[in-house]
Amino acid sequence: MRRALNFAPVLILTLALAAAAPALRAQDSRAEIQKRLTAEFKRTKMTADRSDIATAGSVLDLHKDGLLMATTQAIAPPTNTYKNGTLSFGFGANMAWGMQLAPANQQTTTVAQRKFVTGEKFWVTDFTIRPDGVVFVFYSDPYNDIRYYGQLKFPFVKNVAPPADEVIKEIEEVITAEADTQQAAPVDNAAPPAQAAEQAPAPSSVPPKTIALGQSTDQVIEILGQPQKIVNLGAKQMYFYPDMKVIFTNGKVTDVQ
């Protein structure tokens, strides 16, 4: 007599693999999103009291109106959401933010706030891939002696991470990182090494170009010439030269990198 074949274990295994497939794809997508974000955005490091920048990272350009940030004196930042082409900070987000502020006896109606609009710039200090979306943390330069910070969330539909290309495209609708221009631009028609060596003046005949803290923008331009690029961040400006970056605060040199 023939034995009946038992297909139950095979069926169970097939169903289990089918159920696990979306989760595995989502995990791969999150890893790729993290890789792409790390390549595109360099984190800025703030000082421990969040009052100043310790290490400068990517400067971001904003392409949408209405990004809400609050003073860094607030113990928690407001969390904006980007969905269907619009930045929003609704009633629910305001309630959640109020609950975060409550332990310090702070209120959403009393902490200083500012809405940033298209064309303004700020720093990115962090970005994380959560189960329900990508969350960025931003810091601004001071406006009237107040530095602001805030969060921006790009939610995943049904908490499922889409392909990395879709996520990056959506993020770039709102923010993009400015290119780092500190590297020297390539020189066309450069002379051959031997000829260049003949044409170059003796090192001792060319005094080094140096600048000092406290110098004005006019003094720096007189020494170094016009910069390749200027980034204006309110009270702070950054002048980019081929081999250095000069940072001004209120028109005076405060850092050279």
Protein backbone atom coordinates (compact mmCIF):
# COMPACT_ATOMS: atom_id res chain seq x y z
CA MET A 1 0.00 0.00 0.00
CA ARG A 2 1.35 3.45 -0.96
CA ARG A 3 1.97 6.01 1.76
CA ALA A 4 0.28 9.40 1.43
CA LEU A 5 2.75 12.22 0.88
CA ASN A 6 2.76 14.90 3.58
CA PHE A 7 3.05 18.33 1.91
CA ALA A 8 2.26 20.28 5.09
CA PRO A 9 5.89 21.05 6.11
CA VAL A 10 6.76 22.22 2.59
CA LEU A 11 3.67 24.41 2.43
CA ILE A 12 4.40 25.95 5.82
CA LEU A 13 8.00 26.72 4.81
CA THR A 14 6.87 28.29 1.53
CA LEU A 15 4.34 30.49 3.29
CA ALA A 16 6.90 31.52 5.91
CA LEU A 17 9.42 32.56 3.24
CA ALA A 18 6.75 34.50 1.37
CA ALA A 19 5.78 36.34 4.54
CA ALA A 20 9.41 37.16 5.37
CA ALA A 21 10.28 38.48 1.90
CA PRO A 22 8.81 42.01 2.36
CA ALA A 23 10.64 42.44 5.67
CA LEU A 24 13.93 41.38 4.10
CA ARG A 25 13.43 43.79 1.19
CA ALA A 26 12.63 46.61 3.62
CA GLN A 27 15.79 45.82 5.60
CA ASP A 28 17.90 45.98 2.44
CA SER A 29 16.21 49.24 1.45
CA ARG A 30 16.96 50.84 4.84
CA ALA A 31 20.61 49.85 4.56
CA GLU A 32 20.83 51.39 1.09
CA ILE A 33 19.06 54.57 2.26
CA GLN A 34 21.54 54.92 5.12
CA LYS A 35 24.44 54.45 2.70
CA ARG A 36 23.11 57.08 0.31
CA LEU A 37 22.43 59.62 3.06
CA THR A 38 25.89 59.15 4.55
CA ALA A 39 27.44 59.77 1.12
CA GLU A 40 25.37 62.91 0.47
CA PHE A 41 25.24 64.61 3.88
CA LYS A 42 28.08 65.31 6.30
CA ARG A 43 26.94 65.75 9.90
CA THR A 44 27.73 69.00 11.71
CA LYS A 45 28.86 68.62 15.32
CA MET A 46 27.52 71.11 17.86
CA THR A 47 29.11 72.09 21.15
CA ALA A 48 27.78 70.39 24.29
CA ASP A 49 25.55 73.37 25.15
CA ARG A 50 24.30 73.58 21.53
CA SER A 51 25.30 77.23 21.37
CA ASP A 52 27.93 76.96 18.62
CA ILE A 53 29.34 74.73 15.91
CA ALA A 54 32.26 72.51 16.91
CA THR A 55 32.83 70.88 13.50
CA ALA A 56 31.12 72.15 10.35
CA GLY A 57 29.38 69.68 8.08
CA SER A 58 27.03 70.06 5.14
CA VAL A 59 25.26 73.35 4.50
CA LEU A 60 21.71 72.67 3.32
CA ASP A 61 19.54 74.67 0.93
CA LEU A 62 15.80 74.66 1.68
CA HIS A 63 13.40 74.29 -1.27
CA LYS A 64 10.04 74.43 0.51
CA ASP A 65 8.34 77.04 2.70
CA GLY A 66 7.25 76.56 6.29
CA LEU A 67 9.94 74.57 8.11
CA LEU A 68 9.38 75.30 11.80
CA MET A 69 12.34 75.46 14.19
CA ALA A 70 12.60 76.53 17.83
CA THR A 71 15.29 78.09 19.98
CA THR A 72 17.98 75.69 21.18
CA GLN A 73 16.95 76.69 24.70
CA ALA A 74 13.94 74.39 24.22
CA ILE A 75 14.68 70.92 25.56
CA ALA A 76 13.14 69.28 22.47
CA PRO A 77 12.83 70.43 18.84
CA PRO A 78 9.57 70.54 16.87
CA THR A 79 9.13 67.73 14.32
CA ASN A 80 7.91 68.75 10.87
CA THR A 81 6.57 66.25 8.32
CA TYR A 82 6.93 66.21 4.55
CA LYS A 83 4.11 64.50 2.70
CA ASN A 84 2.47 64.95 -0.70
CA GLY A 85 4.80 67.80 -1.59
CA THR A 86 4.07 69.90 1.51
CA LEU A 87 5.83 70.65 4.80
CA SER A 88 3.49 70.57 7.77
CA PHE A 89 3.47 70.95 11.53
CA GLY A 90 -0.07 70.12 12.55
CA PHE A 91 -2.09 69.93 15.73
CA GLY A 92 -0.89 66.43 16.58
CA ALA A 93 2.75 67.37 16.13
CA ASN A 94 2.26 70.44 18.30
CA MET A 95 0.64 68.31 21.04
CA ALA A 96 3.50 65.81 20.94
CA TRP A 97 6.06 68.60 21.13
CA GLY A 98 4.24 70.15 24.08
CA MET A 99 4.46 66.85 25.96
CA GLN A 100 8.23 66.77 25.35
CA LEU A 101 8.62 70.32 26.65
CA ALA A 102 6.48 69.81 29.76
CA PRO A 103 9.17 68.25 32.01
CA ALA A 104 11.14 71.53 31.81
CA ASN A 105 8.01 73.64 32.37
CA GLN A 106 8.31 74.95 28.82
CA GLN A 107 5.33 75.59 26.54
CA THR A 108 4.98 75.65 22.77
CA THR A 109 3.46 79.13 22.98
CA THR A 110 6.34 80.68 24.92
CA VAL A 111 9.55 79.28 23.36
CA ALA A 112 11.00 81.32 20.49
CA GLN A 113 10.14 79.90 17.07
CA ARG A 114 10.92 80.71 13.45
CA LYS A 115 9.59 79.40 10.13
CA PHE A 116 12.24 78.97 7.45
CA VAL A 117 11.36 79.45 3.78
CA THR A 118 12.67 78.54 0.35
CA GLY A 119 16.26 79.69 -0.22
CA GLU A 120 17.34 79.78 3.42
CA LYS A 121 20.27 77.72 4.66
CA PHE A 122 21.16 75.75 7.79
CA TRP A 123 23.21 72.80 9.05
CA VAL A 124 22.37 69.10 9.27
CA THR A 125 23.51 67.52 12.54
CA ASP A 126 21.91 64.09 12.26
CA PHE A 127 19.77 61.78 10.14
CA THR A 128 18.34 58.43 11.22
CA ILE A 129 16.39 55.63 9.54
CA ARG A 130 13.47 54.69 11.77
CA PRO A 131 10.91 51.93 11.17
CA ASP A 132 8.35 54.56 10.11
CA GLY A 133 10.55 57.01 8.19
CA VAL A 134 13.71 59.09 7.83
CA VAL A 135 14.25 61.88 10.38
CA PHE A 136 16.69 64.80 9.99
CA VAL A 137 17.89 67.22 12.67
CA PHE A 138 18.78 70.78 11.61
CA TYR A 139 20.49 73.74 13.32
CA SER A 140 20.53 77.31 12.06
CA ASP A 141 23.05 80.05 12.59
CA PRO A 142 21.94 82.75 15.08
CA TYR A 143 19.21 85.19 14.08
CA ASN A 144 19.19 88.17 16.45
CA ASP A 145 21.35 86.09 18.82
CA ILE A 146 18.92 83.13 18.74
CA ARG A 147 20.01 79.83 17.24
CA TYR A 148 17.18 77.54 16.13
CA TYR A 149 16.85 73.79 15.68
CA GLY A 150 14.20 71.41 14.43
CA GLN A 151 13.44 68.00 12.98
CA LEU A 152 12.01 66.93 9.62
CA LYS A 153 10.43 63.53 9.05
CA PHE A 154 9.90 61.78 5.73
CA PRO A 155 7.37 59.06 6.67
CA PHE A 156 7.18 55.60 5.09
CA VAL A 157 3.76 54.51 3.85
CA LYS A 158 2.51 51.70 6.13
CA ASN A 159 5.96 51.72 7.81
CA VAL A 160 7.51 49.98 4.78
CA ALA A 161 10.76 51.47 3.49
CA PRO A 162 10.48 52.17 -0.26
CA PRO A 163 13.45 51.86 -2.64
CA ALA A 164 16.33 54.17 -1.80
CA ASP A 165 16.00 56.09 -5.09
CA GLU A 166 12.45 57.10 -4.20
CA VAL A 167 13.43 58.24 -0.71
CA ILE A 168 16.40 60.29 -1.90
CA LYS A 169 14.29 61.91 -4.63
CA GLU A 170 11.67 62.93 -2.07
CA ILE A 171 14.30 64.31 0.33
CA GLU A 172 15.89 66.37 -2.45
CA GLU A 173 12.51 68.00 -3.10
CA VAL A 174 12.99 69.70 0.29
CA ILE A 175 16.73 69.92 1.02
CA THR A 176 19.99 69.54 -0.85
CA ALA A 177 23.56 69.78 0.38
CA GLU A 178 25.76 72.46 -1.11
CA ALA A 179 28.84 71.13 -2.88
CA ASP A 180 32.11 71.31 -0.98
CA THR A 181 34.25 73.77 -2.94
CA GLN A 182 37.32 73.66 -0.73
CA GLN A 183 39.18 71.46 -3.22
CA ALA A 184 41.14 73.35 -5.86
CA ALA A 185 39.49 73.46 -9.27
CA PRO A 186 41.29 71.58 -12.07
CA VAL A 187 43.53 73.81 -14.21
CA ASP A 188 43.21 73.53 -18.00
CA ASN A 189 46.27 73.78 -20.20
CA ALA A 190 48.57 73.26 -17.23
CA ALA A 191 52.26 73.45 -18.02
CA PRO A 192 54.29 70.21 -17.94
CA PRO A 193 55.95 69.56 -14.57
CA ALA A 194 59.42 70.55 -15.76
CA GLN A 195 58.18 73.76 -17.35
CA ALA A 196 56.06 74.60 -14.32
CA ALA A 197 59.10 74.18 -12.10
CA GLU A 198 61.05 76.61 -14.27
CA GLN A 199 58.26 79.19 -14.19
CA ALA A 200 57.56 78.96 -10.46
CA PRO A 201 59.25 81.66 -8.35
CA ALA A 202 61.64 80.65 -5.61
CA PRO A 203 59.74 79.88 -2.37
CA SER A 204 61.70 82.54 -0.50
CA SER A 205 60.59 85.23 -2.96
CA VAL A 206 56.84 84.72 -2.35
CA PRO A 207 55.70 85.76 1.12
CA PRO A 208 53.02 83.46 2.56
CA LYS A 209 49.48 84.78 2.57
CA THR A 210 48.18 84.72 6.12
CA ILE A 211 45.11 86.10 7.81
CA ALA A 212 44.29 86.61 11.47
CA LEU A 213 41.26 86.36 13.69
CA GLY A 214 39.36 89.61 13.91
CA GLN A 215 40.21 90.82 10.42
CA SER A 216 37.35 92.23 8.32
CA THR A 217 36.03 90.84 5.05
CA ASP A 218 37.73 93.69 3.15
CA GLN A 219 41.08 92.88 4.75
CA VAL A 220 40.77 89.20 3.86
CA ILE A 221 39.84 89.98 0.25
CA GLU A 222 42.84 92.35 0.04
CA ILE A 223 45.13 89.50 1.15
CA LEU A 224 43.56 86.47 -0.54
CA GLY A 225 41.52 88.03 -3.34
CA GLN A 226 37.91 87.30 -4.17
CA PRO A 227 36.65 83.91 -2.88
CA GLN A 228 35.43 81.15 -5.19
CA LYS A 229 32.14 81.06 -3.31
CA ILE A 230 30.35 82.86 -0.48
CA VAL A 231 27.75 81.17 1.76
CA ASN A 232 25.60 83.63 3.69
CA LEU A 233 24.07 82.24 6.90
CA GLY A 234 22.69 85.34 8.54
CA ALA A 235 25.22 86.69 11.02
CA LYS A 236 27.77 84.17 9.77
CA GLN A 237 29.41 84.04 6.35
CA MET A 238 31.77 81.48 4.85
CA TYR A 239 34.32 82.44 2.16
CA PHE A 240 35.63 79.46 0.19
CA TYR A 241 39.16 79.62 -1.31
CA PRO A 242 41.01 76.83 -3.15
CA ASP A 243 42.91 75.73 -0.05
CA MET A 244 40.93 77.13 2.87
CA LYS A 245 37.59 78.25 4.22
CA VAL A 246 37.32 81.51 6.16
CA ILE A 247 34.39 81.98 8.55
CA PHE A 248 33.19 85.45 9.51
CA THR A 249 30.79 86.34 12.30
CA ASN A 250 29.35 89.83 12.17
CA GLY A 251 31.94 90.78 9.54
CA LYS A 252 35.02 89.59 11.48
CA VAL A 253 37.16 86.44 11.06
CA THR A 254 36.28 83.90 13.75
CA ASP A 255 37.68 80.69 12.25
CA VAL A 256 39.89 79.43 9.42
CA GLN A 257 39.70 75.85 8.16
